[in-house]
PDB file of N, CA and C in Angstrom:
ATOM      1  N   MET A   1     -19.629 139.670   3.986  1.00  0.00           N
ATOM      2  CA  MET A   1     -20.442 138.664   4.563  1.00  0.00           C
ATOM      3  C   MET A   1     -19.705 138.143   5.834  1.00  0.00           C
ATOM      4  N   SER A   2     -20.338 138.134   6.861  1.00  0.00           N
ATOM      5  CA  SER A   2     -20.133 137.360   8.069  1.00  0.00           C
ATOM      6  C   SER A   2     -20.588 136.078   8.305  1.00  0.00           C
ATOM      7  N   ARG A   3     -19.530 134.906   8.872  1.00  0.00           N
ATOM      8  CA  ARG A   3     -20.177 133.743   9.211  1.00  0.00           C
ATOM      9  C   ARG A   3     -19.581 133.344  10.297  1.00  0.00           C
ATOM     10  N   LEU A   4     -20.764 133.201  11.431  1.00  0.00           N
ATOM     11  CA  LEU A   4     -20.540 133.119  12.778  1.00  0.00           C
ATOM     12  C   LEU A   4     -21.141 131.746  13.104  1.00  0.00           C
ATOM     13  N   PHE A   5     -19.973 130.980  13.298  1.00  0.00           N
ATOM     14  CA  PHE A   5     -20.160 129.437  13.931  1.00  0.00           C
ATOM     15  C   PHE A   5     -20.882 129.324  15.132  1.00  0.00           C
ATOM     16  N   LEU A   6     -22.051 128.409  15.297  1.00  0.00           N
ATOM     17  CA  LEU A   6     -22.751 128.056  16.285  1.00  0.00           C
ATOM     18  C   LEU A   6     -21.959 127.341  17.301  1.00  0.00           C
ATOM     19  N   GLU A   7     -20.970 126.515  16.720  1.00  0.00           N
ATOM     20  CA  GLU A   7     -19.933 125.898  17.764  1.00  0.00           C
ATOM     21  C   GLU A   7     -18.742 126.311  17.203  1.00  0.00           C
ATOM     22  N   PRO A   8     -17.821 126.867  17.755  1.00  0.00           N
ATOM     23  CA  PRO A   8     -16.667 127.424  17.361  1.00  0.00           C
ATOM     24  C   PRO A   8     -15.722 126.554  17.130  1.00  0.00           C
ATOM     25  N   LYS A   9     -14.819 126.782  16.125  1.00  0.00           N
ATOM     26  CA  LYS A   9     -13.753 125.809  15.877  1.00  0.00           C
ATOM     27  C   LYS A   9     -12.513 125.967  16.433  1.00  0.00           C
ATOM     28  N   GLN A  10     -12.168 125.074  16.937  1.00  0.00           N
ATOM     29  CA  GLN A  10     -10.807 124.655  17.486  1.00  0.00           C
ATOM     30  C   GLN A  10      -9.867 125.295  16.760  1.00  0.00           C
ATOM     31  N   VAL A  11      -8.457 125.955  17.096  1.00  0.00           N
ATOM     32  CA  VAL A  11      -7.845 126.205  16.063  1.00  0.00           C
ATOM     33  C   VAL A  11      -6.372 126.267  16.999  1.00  0.00           C
ATOM     34  N   GLN A  12      -5.004 126.600  16.181  1.00  0.00           N
ATOM     35  CA  GLN A  12      -4.046 126.286  16.754  1.00  0.00           C
ATOM     36  C   GLN A  12      -3.449 128.097  16.084  1.00  0.00           C
ATOM     37  N   VAL A  13      -2.850 128.801  17.204  1.00  0.00           N
ATOM     38  CA  VAL A  13      -2.250 129.998  16.754  1.00  0.00           C
ATOM     39  C   VAL A  13      -0.789 130.020  16.888  1.00  0.00           C
ATOM     40  N   GLU A  14       0.016 130.824  16.067  1.00  0.00           N
ATOM     41  CA  GLU A  14       1.219 130.718  16.096  1.00  0.00           C
ATOM     42  C   GLU A  14       1.654 132.320  16.783  1.00  0.00           C
ATOM     43  N   MET A  15       2.610 132.473  17.795  1.00  0.00           N
ATOM     44  CA  MET A  15       2.866 134.044  18.575  1.00  0.00           C
ATOM     45  C   MET A  15       4.188 134.168  18.150  1.00  0.00           C
ATOM     46  N   ASN A  16       4.499 135.490  18.071  1.00  0.00           N
ATOM     47  CA  ASN A  16       6.214 135.746  18.253  1.00  0.00           C
ATOM     48  C   ASN A  16       6.529 136.002  19.681  1.00  0.00           C
ATOM     49  N   THR A  17       7.741 136.539  19.707  1.00  0.00           N
ATOM     50  CA  THR A  17       8.371 136.626  21.286  1.00  0.00           C
ATOM     51  C   THR A  17       7.793 137.790  22.017  1.00  0.00           C
ATOM     52  N   ALA A  18       7.194 138.628  21.152  1.00  0.00           N
ATOM     53  CA  ALA A  18       6.099 139.645  21.791  1.00  0.00           C
ATOM     54  C   ALA A  18       4.936 139.280  22.222  1.00  0.00           C
ATOM     55  N   GLY A  19       4.955 138.097  22.094  1.00  0.00           N
ATOM     56  CA  GLY A  19       3.044 137.734  22.394  1.00  0.00           C
ATOM     57  C   GLY A  19       2.042 138.047  21.461  1.00  0.00           C
ATOM     58  N   GLU A  20       2.555 138.316  20.241  1.00  0.00           N
ATOM     59  CA  GLU A  20       1.398 139.225  18.954  1.00  0.00           C
ATOM     60  C   GLU A  20       1.006 137.636  18.255  1.00  0.00           C
ATOM     61  N   ILE A  21      -0.242 137.379  17.881  1.00  0.00           N
ATOM     62  CA  ILE A  21      -0.362 136.211  17.007  1.00  0.00           C
ATOM     63  C   ILE A  21       0.116 136.759  15.427  1.00  0.00           C
ATOM     64  N   VAL A  22       0.829 135.651  14.946  1.00  0.00           N
ATOM     65  CA  VAL A  22       1.010 135.935  13.624  1.00  0.00           C
ATOM     66  C   VAL A  22       0.824 134.955  12.829  1.00  0.00           C
ATOM     67  N   GLY A  23       0.291 133.724  13.303  1.00  0.00           N
ATOM     68  CA  GLY A  23      -0.419 132.682  12.217  1.00  0.00           C
ATOM     69  C   GLY A  23      -1.465 132.027  12.862  1.00  0.00           C
ATOM     70  N   ILE A  24      -2.563 131.491  12.135  1.00  0.00           N
ATOM     71  CA  ILE A  24      -3.366 130.792  12.366  1.00  0.00           C
ATOM     72  C   ILE A  24      -3.759 129.544  11.586  1.00  0.00           C
ATOM     73  N   LEU A  25      -4.099 128.461  12.322  1.00  0.00           N
ATOM     74  CA  LEU A  25      -4.342 127.166  11.285  1.00  0.00           C
ATOM     75  C   LEU A  25      -5.447 126.481  12.183  1.00  0.00           C
ATOM     76  N   TRP A  26      -6.364 126.112  10.999  1.00  0.00           N
ATOM     77  CA  TRP A  26      -7.608 125.421  11.488  1.00  0.00           C
ATOM     78  C   TRP A  26      -7.792 124.532  10.160  1.00  0.00           C
ATOM     79  N   GLY A  27      -8.132 122.983  10.566  1.00  0.00           N
ATOM     80  CA  GLY A  27      -8.101 122.179   9.654  1.00  0.00           C
ATOM     81  C   GLY A  27      -6.813 122.285   8.510  1.00  0.00           C
ATOM     82  N   ARG A  28      -7.004 122.296   7.439  1.00  0.00           N
ATOM     83  CA  ARG A  28      -5.801 122.175   6.307  1.00  0.00           C
ATOM     84  C   ARG A  28      -5.367 123.696   6.195  1.00  0.00           C
ATOM     85  N   ARG A  29      -6.113 124.578   6.625  1.00  0.00           N
ATOM     86  CA  ARG A  29      -6.230 125.983   6.063  1.00  0.00           C
ATOM     87  C   ARG A  29      -4.978 126.837   7.282  1.00  0.00           C
ATOM     88  N   GLN A  30      -4.025 127.050   6.577  1.00  0.00           N
ATOM     89  CA  GLN A  30      -3.345 128.241   7.312  1.00  0.00           C
ATOM     90  C   GLN A  30      -3.375 129.438   7.048  1.00  0.00           C
ATOM     91  N   GLU A  31      -3.453 130.485   7.807  1.00  0.00           N
ATOM     92  CA  GLU A  31      -3.260 132.040   7.596  1.00  0.00           C
ATOM     93  C   GLU A  31      -2.443 132.444   8.050  1.00  0.00           C
ATOM     94  N   ARG A  32      -1.514 133.689   7.531  1.00  0.00           N
ATOM     95  CA  ARG A  32      -0.537 134.818   8.230  1.00  0.00           C
ATOM     96  C   ARG A  32      -1.404 135.813   8.575  1.00  0.00           C
ATOM     97  N   VAL A  33      -1.179 136.253   9.745  1.00  0.00           N
ATOM     98  CA  VAL A  33      -1.785 137.318  10.549  1.00  0.00           C
ATOM     99  C   VAL A  33      -0.965 138.559   9.995  1.00  0.00           C
ATOM    100  N   LEU A  34      -1.758 139.368   9.414  1.00  0.00           N
ATOM    101  CA  LEU A  34      -1.175 140.540   9.241  1.00  0.00           C
ATOM    102  C   LEU A  34      -1.188 141.972  10.293  1.00  0.00           C
ATOM    103  N   GLU A  35      -2.350 141.564  10.972  1.00  0.00           N
ATOM    104  CA  GLU A  35      -2.436 142.651  12.296  1.00  0.00           C
ATOM    105  C   GLU A  35      -3.604 142.089  13.027  1.00  0.00           C
ATOM    106  N   THR A  36      -3.398 142.513  14.384  1.00  0.00           N
ATOM    107  CA  THR A  36      -4.600 142.375  15.277  1.00  0.00           C
ATOM    108  C   THR A  36      -5.210 143.787  15.324  1.00  0.00           C
ATOM    109  N   ASN A  37      -6.525 143.842  15.029  1.00  0.00           N
ATOM    110  CA  ASN A  37      -7.340 145.098  14.954  1.00  0.00           C
ATOM    111  C   ASN A  37      -7.973 145.576  16.298  1.00  0.00           C
ATOM    112  N   ASN A  38      -8.181 144.566  17.009  1.00  0.00           N
ATOM    113  CA  ASN A  38      -8.813 144.763  18.170  1.00  0.00           C
ATOM    114  C   ASN A  38      -8.702 143.511  19.069  1.00  0.00           C
ATOM    115  N   ARG A  39      -8.962 143.915  20.486  1.00  0.00           N
ATOM    116  CA  ARG A  39      -8.481 142.972  21.635  1.00  0.00           C
ATOM    117  C   ARG A  39      -9.531 143.258  22.698  1.00  0.00           C
ATOM    118  N   TRP A  40     -10.082 142.386  23.402  1.00  0.00           N
ATOM    119  CA  TRP A  40     -11.134 142.579  24.512  1.00  0.00           C
ATOM    120  C   TRP A  40     -11.352 141.263  25.107  1.00  0.00           C
ATOM    121  N   ARG A  41     -11.549 141.523  26.491  1.00  0.00           N
ATOM    122  CA  ARG A  41     -11.867 140.252  27.356  1.00  0.00           C
ATOM    123  C   ARG A  41     -13.374 140.242  27.721  1.00  0.00           C
ATOM    124  N   VAL A  42     -14.034 138.916  28.078  1.00  0.00           N
ATOM    125  CA  VAL A  42     -15.279 138.532  28.557  1.00  0.00           C
ATOM    126  C   VAL A  42     -14.971 137.723  29.495  1.00  0.00           C
ATOM    127  N   ALA A  43     -15.711 138.021  30.911  1.00  0.00           N
ATOM    128  CA  ALA A  43     -16.081 137.286  31.926  1.00  0.00           C
ATOM    129  C   ALA A  43     -17.553 137.410  32.208  1.00  0.00           C
ATOM    130  N   ASP A  44     -17.904 136.169  32.138  1.00  0.00           N
ATOM    131  CA  ASP A  44     -19.681 136.168  32.207  1.00  0.00           C
ATOM    132  C   ASP A  44     -20.041 134.845  32.804  1.00  0.00           C
ATOM    133  N   ASP A  45     -21.246 134.930  33.342  1.00  0.00           N
ATOM    134  CA  ASP A  45     -21.971 133.541  33.893  1.00  0.00           C
ATOM    135  C   ASP A  45     -21.160 133.051  34.853  1.00  0.00           C
ATOM    136  N   TRP A  46     -20.790 133.717  35.809  1.00  0.00           N
ATOM    137  CA  TRP A  46     -19.872 133.409  37.042  1.00  0.00           C
ATOM    138  C   TRP A  46     -20.805 132.519  38.036  1.00  0.00           C
ATOM    139  N   TRP A  47     -22.226 132.843  37.779  1.00  0.00           N
ATOM    140  CA  TRP A  47     -23.002 131.902  38.880  1.00  0.00           C
ATOM    141  C   TRP A  47     -23.637 130.612  38.288  1.00  0.00           C
ATOM    142  N   ARG A  48     -23.526 130.478  36.948  1.00  0.00           N
ATOM    143  CA  ARG A  48     -23.706 129.047  36.067  1.00  0.00           C
ATOM    144  C   ARG A  48     -22.594 128.167  35.761  1.00  0.00           C
ATOM    145  N   ASP A  49     -22.265 128.445  34.369  1.00  0.00           N
ATOM    146  CA  ASP A  49     -21.078 127.893  34.009  1.00  0.00           C
ATOM    147  C   ASP A  49     -20.242 129.145  33.175  1.00  0.00           C
ATOM    148  N   PRO A  50     -19.277 129.387  34.277  1.00  0.00           N
ATOM    149  CA  PRO A  50     -18.426 130.685  33.959  1.00  0.00           C
ATOM    150  C   PRO A  50     -17.561 130.482  32.558  1.00  0.00           C
ATOM    151  N   ILE A  51     -17.558 131.587  31.867  1.00  0.00           N
ATOM    152  CA  ILE A  51     -16.513 131.880  30.958  1.00  0.00           C
ATOM    153  C   ILE A  51     -15.750 132.896  30.918  1.00  0.00           C
ATOM    154  N   GLU A  52     -14.490 132.822  30.651  1.00  0.00           N
ATOM    155  CA  GLU A  52     -13.444 133.615  30.662  1.00  0.00           C
ATOM    156  C   GLU A  52     -12.783 133.660  29.429  1.00  0.00           C
ATOM    157  N   ARG A  53     -12.783 134.652  28.415  1.00  0.00           N
ATOM    158  CA  ARG A  53     -12.260 134.517  27.218  1.00  0.00           C
ATOM    159  C   ARG A  53     -11.564 135.726  26.703  1.00  0.00           C
ATOM    160  N   GLU A  54     -10.598 135.823  25.964  1.00  0.00           N
ATOM    161  CA  GLU A  54      -9.665 136.795  25.122  1.00  0.00           C
ATOM    162  C   GLU A  54     -10.035 136.839  23.968  1.00  0.00           C
ATOM    163  N   TYR A  55     -10.776 137.935  23.297  1.00  0.00           N
ATOM    164  CA  TYR A  55     -11.320 137.788  22.008  1.00  0.00           C
ATOM    165  C   TYR A  55      -9.761 138.744  21.308  1.00  0.00           C
ATOM    166  N   HIS A  56      -9.911 138.300  20.088  1.00  0.00           N
ATOM    167  CA  HIS A  56      -8.734 139.094  18.895  1.00  0.00           C
ATOM    168  C   HIS A  56      -9.462 139.161  17.564  1.00  0.00           C
ATOM    169  N   PHE A  57      -9.630 140.522  17.013  1.00  0.00           N
ATOM    170  CA  PHE A  57     -10.135 140.651  15.536  1.00  0.00           C
ATOM    171  C   PHE A  57      -8.831 140.703  14.995  1.00  0.00           C
ATOM    172  N   LEU A  58      -8.559 139.460  13.779  1.00  0.00           N
ATOM    173  CA  LEU A  58      -7.311 139.305  13.198  1.00  0.00           C
ATOM    174  C   LEU A  58      -7.729 140.001  11.527  1.00  0.00           C
ATOM    175  N   ILE A  59      -6.664 140.494  11.349  1.00  0.00           N
ATOM    176  CA  ILE A  59      -6.612 140.823   9.487  1.00  0.00           C
ATOM    177  C   ILE A  59      -5.861 139.928   9.090  1.00  0.00           C
ATOM    178  N   THR A  60      -6.055 139.095   7.874  1.00  0.00           N
ATOM    179  CA  THR A  60      -5.205 137.940   7.416  1.00  0.00           C
ATOM    180  C   THR A  60      -5.497 138.470   5.393  1.00  0.00           C
ATOM    181  N   PRO A  61      -4.500 137.861   4.875  1.00  0.00           N
ATOM    182  CA  PRO A  61      -4.758 138.518   3.331  1.00  0.00           C
ATOM    183  C   PRO A  61      -5.923 138.068   2.860  1.00  0.00           C
ATOM    184  N   THR A  62      -6.732 137.165   3.316  1.00  0.00           N
ATOM    185  CA  THR A  62      -8.075 136.814   2.745  1.00  0.00           C
ATOM    186  C   THR A  62      -9.533 137.018   3.571  1.00  0.00           C
ATOM    187  N   ALA A  63      -9.237 137.374   4.792  1.00  0.00           N
ATOM    188  CA  ALA A  63     -10.346 137.386   5.637  1.00  0.00           C
ATOM    189  C   ALA A  63     -10.027 138.243   6.891  1.00  0.00           C
ATOM    190  N   ALA A  64     -11.031 138.677   7.596  1.00  0.00           N
ATOM    191  CA  ALA A  64     -10.651 139.121   8.892  1.00  0.00           C
ATOM    192  C   ALA A  64     -11.658 137.887   9.818  1.00  0.00           C
ATOM    193  N   LEU A  65     -10.870 137.612  10.879  1.00  0.00           N
ATOM    194  CA  LEU A  65     -10.952 136.706  11.712  1.00  0.00           C
ATOM    195  C   LEU A  65     -11.466 136.848  13.131  1.00  0.00           C
ATOM    196  N   GLU A  66     -12.439 136.457  13.918  1.00  0.00           N
ATOM    197  CA  GLU A  66     -12.614 136.705  15.232  1.00  0.00           C
ATOM    198  C   GLU A  66     -12.244 135.439  16.012  1.00  0.00           C
ATOM    199  N   VAL A  67     -11.546 135.420  16.772  1.00  0.00           N
ATOM    200  CA  VAL A  67     -10.798 134.243  17.441  1.00  0.00           C
ATOM    201  C   VAL A  67     -10.980 134.511  19.165  1.00  0.00           C
ATOM    202  N   PHE A  68     -11.012 133.579  19.821  1.00  0.00           N
ATOM    203  CA  PHE A  68     -10.597 133.787  21.510  1.00  0.00           C
ATOM    204  C   PHE A  68     -10.017 132.495  22.011  1.00  0.00           C
ATOM    205  N   GLN A  69      -9.420 132.928  22.823  1.00  0.00           N
ATOM    206  CA  GLN A  69      -8.481 132.157  23.778  1.00  0.00           C
ATOM    207  C   GLN A  69      -9.287 132.026  25.071  1.00  0.00           C
ATOM    208  N   ASP A  70      -9.723 130.718  25.517  1.00  0.00           N
ATOM    209  CA  ASP A  70     -10.683 130.121  26.756  1.00  0.00           C
ATOM    210  C   ASP A  70      -9.409 130.203  27.745  1.00  0.00           C
ATOM    211  N   MET A  71      -9.620 131.270  28.494  1.00  0.00           N
ATOM    212  CA  MET A  71      -8.614 131.744  29.597  1.00  0.00           C
ATOM    213  C   MET A  71      -8.678 130.486  30.786  1.00  0.00           C
ATOM    214  N   ARG A  72      -9.661 129.803  30.670  1.00  0.00           N
ATOM    215  CA  ARG A  72      -9.560 128.804  31.947  1.00  0.00           C
ATOM    216  C   ARG A  72      -8.753 127.672  31.425  1.00  0.00           C
ATOM    217  N   THR A  73      -9.016 127.003  30.150  1.00  0.00           N
ATOM    218  CA  THR A  73      -8.190 126.064  29.349  1.00  0.00           C
ATOM    219  C   THR A  73      -7.030 126.406  28.454  1.00  0.00           C
ATOM    220  N   GLY A  74      -6.909 127.924  28.167  1.00  0.00           N
ATOM    221  CA  GLY A  74      -5.965 128.087  27.246  1.00  0.00           C
ATOM    222  C   GLY A  74      -6.099 127.665  25.818  1.00  0.00           C
ATOM    223  N   ALA A  75      -7.269 126.918  25.526  1.00  0.00           N
ATOM    224  CA  ALA A  75      -7.435 126.869  24.031  1.00  0.00           C
ATOM    225  C   ALA A  75      -7.768 127.714  23.172  1.00  0.00           C
ATOM    226  N   TRP A  76      -7.785 127.830  22.208  1.00  0.00           N
ATOM    227  CA  TRP A  76      -8.145 128.742  21.047  1.00  0.00           C
ATOM    228  C   TRP A  76      -9.007 128.304  20.083  1.00  0.00           C
ATOM    229  N   PHE A  77     -10.054 129.346  19.785  1.00  0.00           N
ATOM    230  CA  PHE A  77     -11.072 128.742  18.866  1.00  0.00           C
ATOM    231  C   PHE A  77     -11.194 130.167  17.934  1.00  0.00           C
ATOM    232  N   LEU A  78     -11.854 129.673  16.639  1.00  0.00           N
ATOM    233  CA  LEU A  78     -12.674 130.502  15.826  1.00  0.00           C
ATOM    234  C   LEU A  78     -14.008 130.719  15.860  1.00  0.00           C
ATOM    235  N   GLU A  79     -14.222 131.970  15.902  1.00  0.00           N
ATOM    236  CA  GLU A  79     -15.751 132.259  16.113  1.00  0.00           C
ATOM    237  C   GLU A  79     -16.509 132.700  14.969  1.00  0.00           C
ATOM    238  N   ARG A  80     -15.970 133.556  14.252  1.00  0.00           N
ATOM    239  CA  ARG A  80     -16.650 134.259  12.977  1.00  0.00           C
ATOM    240  C   ARG A  80     -15.559 134.770  12.096  1.00  0.00           C
ATOM    241  N   ILE A  81     -15.743 134.588  10.654  1.00  0.00           N
ATOM    242  CA  ILE A  81     -14.887 134.788   9.420  1.00  0.00           C
ATOM    243  C   ILE A  81     -15.768 135.980   8.875  1.00  0.00           C
ATOM    244  N   VAL A  82     -14.934 137.146   8.535  1.00  0.00           N
ATOM    245  CA  VAL A  82     -15.708 138.167   8.029  1.00  0.00           C
ATOM    246  C   VAL A  82     -14.809 138.407   6.545  1.00  0.00           C
ATOM    247  N   ASP A  83     -15.510 138.343   5.510  1.00  0.00           N
ATOM    248  CA  ASP A  83     -14.627 138.193   4.101  1.00  0.00           C
ATOM    249  C   ASP A  83     -15.315 139.118   3.284  1.00  0.00           C
TER     250      ASP A  83
END
């Protein structure tokens, strides 16, 4: 089942020295990241309210998570949980 948040949840990510995501924290929930399954960039709506995001599809012990980093602010967000 997939759960898409209408308003993405801001999260914190932990990265290793190679720049790979190794952990994610939102609320009181902390997950260890086993692997990054996919990674892609989105740049859109440059004529209105532009977005620039880098998405990561992460595999954890309990779920798969779709997170993105807002490249304009540097903030990280959880957009989808697949369990």
